[in-house]
């Protein structure tokens, strides 16, 4: 995995996360027990709107550009919210409560996938060390 600086939500950033998810043992273990398709859309960023996904199915996890298929859950937020959450300037739960992050889809599946998010947080933390937010 590259550790050269990458701009948040750029194709290079998505590629770095794709590689990190593919090589993460905790996510691989979780994937054996969960099935979920999660799409994230961020609007109004430097490269326009960006959509990426996490697909967990059949014991495998993959991350990449575009929407999940099948999609169980979709998150939508603007650039300001996404960067604030990614840099710990805004708590994600608070962003949900105040409507800055909008959730669509199967909320029960989302709650059941909490271990997936916990493992994914470790991957995001690693990539965050060489991510530029501009």
N, C-alpha and C. Protein backbone atom coordinates (compact mmCIF):
# COMPACT_ATOMS: atom_id res chain seq x y z
N UNK A 1 0.85 -1.18 0.00
CA UNK A 1 0.00 0.00 0.00
C UNK A 1 0.89 1.24 0.00
N UNK A 2 0.53 2.19 -0.83
CA UNK A 2 1.25 3.45 -0.92
C UNK A 2 1.04 4.28 0.34
N UNK A 3 2.09 4.96 0.76
CA UNK A 3 1.94 5.90 1.87
C UNK A 3 2.26 7.32 1.41
N UNK A 4 2.29 7.55 0.10
CA UNK A 4 2.43 8.90 -0.42
C UNK A 4 1.15 9.65 -0.10
N UNK A 5 1.25 10.97 0.12
CA UNK A 5 0.03 11.72 0.43
C UNK A 5 -1.03 11.56 -0.67
N UNK A 6 -2.28 11.37 -0.24
CA UNK A 6 -3.40 11.28 -1.17
C UNK A 6 -4.47 12.26 -0.70
N UNK A 7 -5.18 12.84 -1.64
CA UNK A 7 -6.25 13.78 -1.31
C UNK A 7 -7.50 13.00 -0.97
N UNK A 8 -8.15 13.41 0.09
CA UNK A 8 -9.38 12.79 0.56
C UNK A 8 -10.40 12.71 -0.57
N UNK A 9 -10.98 11.55 -0.76
CA UNK A 9 -12.01 11.22 -1.74
C UNK A 9 -11.53 11.20 -3.19
N UNK A 10 -10.22 11.33 -3.41
CA UNK A 10 -9.69 11.21 -4.77
C UNK A 10 -9.65 9.73 -5.16
N UNK A 11 -9.43 9.46 -6.43
CA UNK A 11 -9.30 8.05 -6.86
C UNK A 11 -8.11 7.38 -6.18
N UNK A 12 -7.04 8.13 -5.91
CA UNK A 12 -5.88 7.57 -5.22
C UNK A 12 -6.25 7.18 -3.78
N UNK A 13 -7.08 7.99 -3.15
CA UNK A 13 -7.54 7.69 -1.79
C UNK A 13 -8.40 6.43 -1.81
N UNK A 14 -9.32 6.35 -2.76
CA UNK A 14 -10.16 5.16 -2.88
C UNK A 14 -9.29 3.93 -3.15
N UNK A 15 -8.29 4.06 -4.00
CA UNK A 15 -7.37 2.94 -4.27
C UNK A 15 -6.63 2.51 -3.01
N UNK A 16 -6.17 3.49 -2.21
CA UNK A 16 -5.46 3.16 -0.97
C UNK A 16 -6.38 2.39 -0.02
N UNK A 17 -7.63 2.82 0.08
CA UNK A 17 -8.57 2.10 0.93
C UNK A 17 -8.92 0.73 0.36
N UNK A 18 -9.02 0.63 -0.95
CA UNK A 18 -9.28 -0.66 -1.59
C UNK A 18 -8.20 -1.66 -1.20
N UNK A 19 -6.94 -1.24 -1.29
CA UNK A 19 -5.82 -2.11 -0.93
C UNK A 19 -5.81 -2.43 0.56
N UNK A 20 -6.10 -1.43 1.38
CA UNK A 20 -6.09 -1.64 2.83
C UNK A 20 -7.20 -2.60 3.26
N UNK A 21 -8.38 -2.47 2.69
CA UNK A 21 -9.48 -3.38 3.02
C UNK A 21 -9.13 -4.81 2.58
N UNK A 22 -8.59 -4.94 1.38
CA UNK A 22 -8.27 -6.26 0.83
C UNK A 22 -7.23 -7.00 1.68
N UNK A 23 -6.34 -6.26 2.35
CA UNK A 23 -5.27 -6.91 3.11
C UNK A 23 -5.52 -6.94 4.62
N UNK A 24 -6.67 -6.50 5.07
CA UNK A 24 -6.94 -6.42 6.51
C UNK A 24 -7.56 -7.72 7.02
N UNK A 25 -6.87 -8.37 7.95
CA UNK A 25 -7.32 -9.66 8.47
C UNK A 25 -8.60 -9.54 9.31
N UNK A 26 -8.75 -8.44 10.05
CA UNK A 26 -9.94 -8.26 10.88
C UNK A 26 -11.19 -8.15 10.00
N UNK A 27 -11.08 -7.42 8.91
CA UNK A 27 -12.22 -7.30 8.00
C UNK A 27 -12.52 -8.64 7.34
N UNK A 28 -11.48 -9.38 6.98
CA UNK A 28 -11.69 -10.70 6.37
C UNK A 28 -12.44 -11.62 7.33
N UNK A 29 -12.07 -11.58 8.61
CA UNK A 29 -12.75 -12.43 9.60
C UNK A 29 -14.21 -12.01 9.77
N UNK A 30 -14.45 -10.71 9.81
CA UNK A 30 -15.82 -10.18 9.96
C UNK A 30 -16.67 -10.55 8.74
N UNK A 31 -16.05 -10.53 7.56
CA UNK A 31 -16.77 -10.80 6.31
C UNK A 31 -17.35 -12.21 6.28
N UNK A 32 -16.75 -13.11 7.03
CA UNK A 32 -17.27 -14.47 7.09
C UNK A 32 -18.61 -14.54 7.82
N UNK A 33 -18.91 -13.51 8.63
CA UNK A 33 -20.10 -13.52 9.47
C UNK A 33 -21.15 -12.49 9.08
N UNK A 34 -20.85 -11.61 8.12
CA UNK A 34 -21.76 -10.52 7.77
C UNK A 34 -21.93 -10.39 6.26
N UNK A 35 -23.05 -9.85 5.87
CA UNK A 35 -23.32 -9.51 4.48
C UNK A 35 -23.97 -8.14 4.46
N UNK A 36 -23.33 -7.19 3.80
CA UNK A 36 -23.89 -5.84 3.72
C UNK A 36 -23.25 -5.09 2.55
N UNK A 37 -24.06 -4.29 1.89
CA UNK A 37 -23.57 -3.39 0.85
C UNK A 37 -23.82 -1.96 1.29
N UNK A 38 -22.76 -1.18 1.42
CA UNK A 38 -22.84 0.18 1.94
C UNK A 38 -22.32 1.15 0.89
N UNK A 39 -23.12 2.14 0.56
CA UNK A 39 -22.72 3.18 -0.38
C UNK A 39 -22.58 4.49 0.38
N UNK A 40 -21.54 5.23 0.06
CA UNK A 40 -21.31 6.55 0.65
C UNK A 40 -21.22 7.56 -0.49
N UNK A 41 -22.01 8.63 -0.44
CA UNK A 41 -21.93 9.70 -1.43
C UNK A 41 -21.62 11.00 -0.71
N UNK A 42 -20.59 11.68 -1.21
CA UNK A 42 -20.20 12.98 -0.67
C UNK A 42 -20.38 14.00 -1.80
N UNK A 43 -21.14 15.04 -1.52
CA UNK A 43 -21.44 16.04 -2.54
C UNK A 43 -20.63 17.32 -2.33
N UNK A 44 -20.37 18.00 -3.45
CA UNK A 44 -19.76 19.33 -3.39
C UNK A 44 -18.29 19.37 -3.05
N UNK A 45 -17.56 18.29 -3.31
CA UNK A 45 -16.13 18.28 -3.03
C UNK A 45 -15.32 18.87 -4.17
N UNK A 46 -14.00 18.95 -4.01
CA UNK A 46 -13.13 19.51 -5.05
C UNK A 46 -13.24 18.80 -6.40
N UNK A 47 -13.58 17.49 -6.36
CA UNK A 47 -13.74 16.73 -7.60
C UNK A 47 -15.21 16.50 -7.92
N UNK A 48 -16.08 17.33 -7.34
CA UNK A 48 -17.52 17.15 -7.54
C UNK A 48 -18.05 16.11 -6.57
N UNK A 49 -19.14 15.46 -6.94
CA UNK A 49 -19.73 14.43 -6.10
C UNK A 49 -18.94 13.13 -6.25
N UNK A 50 -18.72 12.46 -5.13
CA UNK A 50 -17.95 11.21 -5.13
C UNK A 50 -18.78 10.13 -4.45
N UNK A 51 -18.87 8.97 -5.09
CA UNK A 51 -19.57 7.83 -4.52
C UNK A 51 -18.60 6.65 -4.46
N UNK A 52 -18.58 6.00 -3.30
CA UNK A 52 -17.76 4.80 -3.14
C UNK A 52 -18.53 3.81 -2.28
N UNK A 53 -18.04 2.59 -2.20
CA UNK A 53 -18.80 1.55 -1.49
C UNK A 53 -17.91 0.58 -0.73
N UNK A 54 -18.54 -0.10 0.20
CA UNK A 54 -17.98 -1.27 0.86
C UNK A 54 -18.98 -2.39 0.64
N UNK A 55 -18.50 -3.49 0.09
CA UNK A 55 -19.35 -4.66 -0.15
C UNK A 55 -18.79 -5.82 0.67
N UNK A 56 -19.60 -6.37 1.54
CA UNK A 56 -19.20 -7.51 2.36
C UNK A 56 -20.17 -8.63 2.04
N UNK A 57 -19.66 -9.71 1.46
CA UNK A 57 -20.52 -10.83 1.08
C UNK A 57 -19.67 -12.08 0.82
N UNK A 58 -20.25 -13.22 1.07
CA UNK A 58 -19.59 -14.50 0.79
C UNK A 58 -18.19 -14.60 1.38
N UNK A 59 -18.01 -14.05 2.58
CA UNK A 59 -16.71 -14.14 3.24
C UNK A 59 -15.65 -13.21 2.68
N UNK A 60 -16.04 -12.25 1.87
CA UNK A 60 -15.07 -11.31 1.28
C UNK A 60 -15.55 -9.89 1.49
N UNK A 61 -14.60 -8.98 1.58
CA UNK A 61 -14.91 -7.56 1.69
C UNK A 61 -14.16 -6.83 0.58
N UNK A 62 -14.87 -5.91 -0.07
CA UNK A 62 -14.21 -5.10 -1.10
C UNK A 62 -14.67 -3.65 -0.96
N UNK A 63 -13.78 -2.76 -1.31
CA UNK A 63 -14.02 -1.32 -1.23
C UNK A 63 -13.68 -0.77 -2.60
N UNK A 64 -14.45 0.18 -3.10
CA UNK A 64 -14.12 0.74 -4.40
C UNK A 64 -15.04 1.88 -4.80
N UNK A 65 -14.80 2.43 -5.98
CA UNK A 65 -15.63 3.53 -6.47
C UNK A 65 -17.01 3.04 -6.89
N UNK A 66 -17.97 3.96 -6.89
CA UNK A 66 -19.33 3.63 -7.31
C UNK A 66 -20.17 3.08 -6.18
N UNK A 67 -21.42 2.78 -6.50
CA UNK A 67 -22.39 2.30 -5.51
C UNK A 67 -22.21 0.81 -5.26
N UNK A 68 -22.62 0.39 -4.07
CA UNK A 68 -22.63 -1.03 -3.72
C UNK A 68 -23.73 -1.72 -4.51
N UNK A 69 -23.50 -2.99 -4.85
CA UNK A 69 -24.55 -3.77 -5.48
C UNK A 69 -24.46 -5.19 -4.97
N UNK A 70 -25.45 -5.67 -4.27
CA UNK A 70 -26.66 -4.93 -3.91
C UNK A 70 -26.36 -3.93 -2.80
N UNK A 71 -27.14 -2.88 -2.76
CA UNK A 71 -26.98 -1.82 -1.77
C UNK A 71 -28.01 -2.00 -0.66
N UNK A 72 -27.54 -2.14 0.57
CA UNK A 72 -28.43 -2.23 1.73
C UNK A 72 -28.61 -0.88 2.41
N UNK A 73 -27.52 -0.11 2.44
CA UNK A 73 -27.51 1.16 3.17
C UNK A 73 -26.78 2.20 2.33
N UNK A 74 -27.30 3.44 2.35
CA UNK A 74 -26.63 4.55 1.67
C UNK A 74 -26.53 5.72 2.63
N UNK A 75 -25.32 6.30 2.68
CA UNK A 75 -25.09 7.52 3.44
C UNK A 75 -24.84 8.64 2.46
N UNK A 76 -25.42 9.80 2.72
CA UNK A 76 -25.17 10.98 1.89
C UNK A 76 -24.84 12.15 2.80
N UNK A 77 -23.83 12.92 2.39
CA UNK A 77 -23.41 14.09 3.16
C UNK A 77 -22.64 15.03 2.25
N UNK A 78 -22.49 16.28 2.68
CA UNK A 78 -21.72 17.22 1.88
C UNK A 78 -20.24 17.15 2.27
N UNK A 79 -19.42 17.80 1.46
CA UNK A 79 -17.97 17.80 1.64
C UNK A 79 -17.57 18.30 3.04
N UNK A 80 -18.18 19.38 3.47
CA UNK A 80 -17.85 19.97 4.77
C UNK A 80 -18.08 18.96 5.90
N UNK A 81 -19.21 18.28 5.86
CA UNK A 81 -19.52 17.28 6.89
C UNK A 81 -18.55 16.11 6.81
N UNK A 82 -18.32 15.62 5.61
CA UNK A 82 -17.43 14.45 5.44
C UNK A 82 -16.03 14.74 5.96
N UNK A 83 -15.48 15.90 5.62
CA UNK A 83 -14.12 16.21 6.09
C UNK A 83 -14.10 16.46 7.59
N UNK A 84 -15.15 17.07 8.13
CA UNK A 84 -15.20 17.30 9.57
C UNK A 84 -15.25 15.97 10.34
N UNK A 85 -16.04 15.02 9.86
CA UNK A 85 -16.11 13.71 10.51
C UNK A 85 -14.78 12.97 10.34
N UNK A 86 -14.22 13.00 9.14
CA UNK A 86 -12.97 12.28 8.86
C UNK A 86 -11.79 12.80 9.68
N UNK A 87 -11.82 14.07 10.04
CA UNK A 87 -10.72 14.67 10.80
C UNK A 87 -11.07 14.83 12.29
N UNK A 88 -12.13 14.18 12.73
CA UNK A 88 -12.57 14.19 14.13
C UNK A 88 -12.95 15.58 14.65
N UNK A 89 -13.32 16.47 13.75
CA UNK A 89 -13.81 17.79 14.17
C UNK A 89 -15.32 17.75 14.42
N UNK A 90 -15.97 16.68 13.93
CA UNK A 90 -17.40 16.49 14.12
C UNK A 90 -17.63 15.01 14.40
N UNK A 91 -18.38 14.73 15.45
CA UNK A 91 -18.73 13.37 15.80
C UNK A 91 -19.76 12.84 14.79
N UNK A 92 -19.53 11.65 14.25
CA UNK A 92 -20.44 11.09 13.24
C UNK A 92 -21.85 10.92 13.79
N UNK A 93 -21.97 10.49 15.03
CA UNK A 93 -23.30 10.31 15.62
C UNK A 93 -24.04 11.65 15.68
N UNK A 94 -23.33 12.71 16.06
CA UNK A 94 -23.94 14.04 16.11
C UNK A 94 -24.36 14.48 14.70
N UNK A 95 -23.53 14.15 13.70
CA UNK A 95 -23.86 14.50 12.32
C UNK A 95 -25.14 13.79 11.87
N UNK A 96 -25.35 12.54 12.31
CA UNK A 96 -26.60 11.83 12.00
C UNK A 96 -27.78 12.50 12.68
N UNK A 97 -27.63 12.76 13.96
CA UNK A 97 -28.73 13.32 14.75
C UNK A 97 -29.19 14.66 14.18
N UNK A 98 -28.24 15.47 13.73
CA UNK A 98 -28.57 16.80 13.22
C UNK A 98 -28.92 16.80 11.72
N UNK A 99 -28.90 15.62 11.10
CA UNK A 99 -29.28 15.51 9.70
C UNK A 99 -28.20 15.88 8.70
N UNK A 100 -26.99 16.08 9.17
CA UNK A 100 -25.89 16.41 8.25
C UNK A 100 -25.45 15.17 7.46
N UNK A 101 -25.62 14.00 8.05
CA UNK A 101 -25.43 12.74 7.33
C UNK A 101 -26.82 12.12 7.21
N UNK A 102 -27.22 11.85 5.98
CA UNK A 102 -28.53 11.26 5.73
C UNK A 102 -28.36 9.76 5.47
N UNK A 103 -29.23 8.98 6.06
CA UNK A 103 -29.18 7.53 5.97
C UNK A 103 -30.40 7.03 5.23
N UNK A 104 -30.18 6.15 4.25
CA UNK A 104 -31.26 5.52 3.50
C UNK A 104 -31.03 4.02 3.53
N UNK A 105 -32.11 3.27 3.55
CA UNK A 105 -31.98 1.82 3.44
C UNK A 105 -32.34 1.08 4.71
N UNK A 106 -31.76 -0.09 4.86
CA UNK A 106 -32.10 -1.04 5.89
C UNK A 106 -31.36 -0.73 7.20
N UNK A 107 -32.02 -0.04 8.10
CA UNK A 107 -31.38 0.36 9.35
C UNK A 107 -31.05 -0.85 10.24
N UNK A 108 -31.86 -1.88 10.19
CA UNK A 108 -31.57 -3.09 10.97
C UNK A 108 -30.28 -3.75 10.50
N UNK A 109 -30.09 -3.78 9.20
CA UNK A 109 -28.86 -4.36 8.63
C UNK A 109 -27.65 -3.52 9.05
N UNK A 110 -27.85 -2.21 9.08
CA UNK A 110 -26.79 -1.30 9.51
C UNK A 110 -26.39 -1.60 10.95
N UNK A 111 -27.35 -1.72 11.83
CA UNK A 111 -27.07 -2.01 13.24
C UNK A 111 -26.39 -3.37 13.38
N UNK A 112 -26.85 -4.36 12.62
CA UNK A 112 -26.25 -5.69 12.67
C UNK A 112 -24.82 -5.70 12.14
N UNK A 113 -24.46 -4.67 11.38
CA UNK A 113 -23.13 -4.59 10.77
C UNK A 113 -22.14 -3.76 11.60
N UNK A 114 -22.47 -3.46 12.84
CA UNK A 114 -21.58 -2.68 13.69
C UNK A 114 -20.16 -3.24 13.73
N UNK A 115 -19.95 -4.56 13.82
CA UNK A 115 -18.57 -5.09 13.82
C UNK A 115 -17.81 -4.76 12.52
N UNK A 116 -18.53 -4.67 11.42
CA UNK A 116 -17.90 -4.31 10.14
C UNK A 116 -17.34 -2.89 10.24
N UNK A 117 -18.13 -1.98 10.80
CA UNK A 117 -17.69 -0.59 10.93
C UNK A 117 -16.52 -0.46 11.89
N UNK A 118 -16.52 -1.26 12.95
CA UNK A 118 -15.41 -1.23 13.91
C UNK A 118 -14.12 -1.65 13.22
N UNK A 119 -14.16 -2.71 12.42
CA UNK A 119 -12.97 -3.16 11.70
C UNK A 119 -12.57 -2.15 10.63
N UNK A 120 -13.55 -1.57 9.97
CA UNK A 120 -13.28 -0.58 8.93
C UNK A 120 -12.63 0.67 9.51
N UNK A 121 -13.00 1.03 10.72
CA UNK A 121 -12.42 2.21 11.36
C UNK A 121 -10.90 2.09 11.48
N UNK A 122 -10.42 0.88 11.75
CA UNK A 122 -8.97 0.65 11.84
C UNK A 122 -8.31 0.93 10.49
N UNK A 123 -8.94 0.50 9.41
CA UNK A 123 -8.41 0.73 8.06
C UNK A 123 -8.40 2.23 7.75
N UNK A 124 -9.50 2.91 8.04
CA UNK A 124 -9.56 4.35 7.80
C UNK A 124 -8.49 5.08 8.61
N UNK A 125 -8.25 4.64 9.84
CA UNK A 125 -7.24 5.28 10.68
C UNK A 125 -5.86 5.17 10.05
N UNK A 126 -5.56 4.03 9.47
CA UNK A 126 -4.27 3.84 8.81
C UNK A 126 -4.13 4.76 7.60
N UNK A 127 -5.14 4.78 6.75
CA UNK A 127 -5.09 5.60 5.54
C UNK A 127 -5.12 7.09 5.90
N UNK A 128 -5.79 7.43 6.98
CA UNK A 128 -5.88 8.83 7.41
C UNK A 128 -4.49 9.42 7.67
N UNK A 129 -3.51 8.60 8.04
CA UNK A 129 -2.18 9.12 8.36
C UNK A 129 -1.48 9.73 7.15
N UNK A 130 -1.90 9.38 5.94
CA UNK A 130 -1.28 9.98 4.76
C UNK A 130 -2.33 10.64 3.83
N UNK A 131 -3.46 11.02 4.41
CA UNK A 131 -4.52 11.68 3.65
C UNK A 131 -4.46 13.19 3.88
N UNK A 132 -4.61 13.93 2.77
CA UNK A 132 -4.69 15.39 2.84
C UNK A 132 -6.14 15.80 2.64
N UNK A 133 -6.61 16.69 3.48
CA UNK A 133 -8.01 17.15 3.43
C UNK A 133 -8.04 18.58 2.90
N UNK A 134 -8.08 18.72 1.58
CA UNK A 134 -8.12 20.05 0.96
C UNK A 134 -9.04 20.06 -0.22
